[in-house]
């Protein structure tokens, strides 16, 4: 008689693996979104007030505009 039953699959292991994978993808997506916002904020901050006015923004709008998708 064996101590382990090797004929049965492990119930729920696919669900756990899916959750782990989804969590990893969500973390990566969040980091990518943060980096995109950072790059946008940096590029907009480098513009002069006149250039910002040409595109319809002010210095106070930079943070809000960098998080829009």
Protein backbone atom coordinates (compact mmCIF):
# COMPACT_ATOMS: atom_id res chain seq x y z
CA UNK A 1 0.00 0.00 0.00
CA UNK A 2 1.39 3.38 -0.92
CA UNK A 3 1.39 6.43 1.31
CA UNK A 4 0.52 8.79 -1.55
CA UNK A 5 -2.26 8.46 -4.06
CA UNK A 6 -0.62 9.50 -7.34
CA UNK A 7 -3.66 8.88 -9.51
CA UNK A 8 -5.48 12.04 -8.46
CA UNK A 9 -4.70 15.52 -9.67
CA UNK A 10 -4.07 18.25 -7.17
CA UNK A 11 -7.35 20.06 -6.82
CA UNK A 12 -7.10 23.82 -7.02
CA UNK A 13 -3.47 24.07 -8.11
CA UNK A 14 -4.47 25.57 -11.47
CA UNK A 15 -6.56 28.20 -9.71
CA UNK A 16 -3.67 29.21 -7.45
CA UNK A 17 -1.25 29.33 -10.39
CA UNK A 18 -3.72 31.52 -12.30
CA UNK A 19 -4.05 33.92 -9.40
CA UNK A 20 -0.28 34.18 -9.00
CA UNK A 21 0.16 34.79 -12.72
CA UNK A 22 -2.60 37.42 -12.76
CA UNK A 23 -1.03 39.17 -9.77
CA UNK A 24 2.37 39.26 -11.45
CA UNK A 25 0.84 40.68 -14.64
CA UNK A 26 -1.07 43.31 -12.62
CA UNK A 27 2.13 44.39 -10.85
CA UNK A 28 3.97 44.65 -14.18
CA UNK A 29 1.09 46.65 -15.71
CA UNK A 30 1.08 49.01 -12.72
CA UNK A 31 4.82 49.61 -12.99
CA UNK A 32 4.51 50.25 -16.73
CA UNK A 33 1.64 52.73 -16.18
CA UNK A 34 3.63 54.51 -13.46
CA UNK A 35 6.65 54.76 -15.75
CA UNK A 36 4.55 56.10 -18.64
CA UNK A 37 3.09 58.76 -16.33
CA UNK A 38 6.57 59.63 -15.08
CA UNK A 39 7.94 60.05 -18.61
CA UNK A 40 4.93 62.15 -19.64
CA UNK A 41 5.24 64.34 -16.55
CA UNK A 42 8.96 64.85 -17.22
CA UNK A 43 8.38 65.75 -20.88
CA UNK A 44 5.60 68.21 -20.05
CA UNK A 45 7.67 69.78 -17.29
CA UNK A 46 10.44 70.48 -19.79
CA UNK A 47 8.11 72.61 -21.94
CA UNK A 48 7.93 76.36 -21.54
CA UNK A 49 4.77 78.09 -20.33
CA UNK A 50 4.11 79.28 -23.88
CA UNK A 51 4.39 75.74 -25.28
CA UNK A 52 2.08 74.43 -22.58
CA UNK A 53 -0.41 77.18 -23.39
CA UNK A 54 -0.27 76.16 -27.08
CA UNK A 55 -1.45 72.65 -26.20
CA UNK A 56 -4.05 73.93 -23.75
CA UNK A 57 -2.30 73.13 -20.47
CA UNK A 58 -0.85 75.04 -17.56
CA UNK A 59 1.79 74.01 -15.04
CA UNK A 60 -0.95 72.96 -12.64
CA UNK A 61 -2.44 70.59 -15.21
CA UNK A 62 0.72 68.51 -15.70
CA UNK A 63 0.05 65.99 -12.93
CA UNK A 64 -3.56 65.44 -13.99
CA UNK A 65 -2.64 65.18 -17.68
CA UNK A 66 0.11 62.63 -17.05
CA UNK A 67 -2.32 60.13 -15.50
CA UNK A 68 -4.95 60.30 -18.26
CA UNK A 69 -5.12 57.40 -20.67
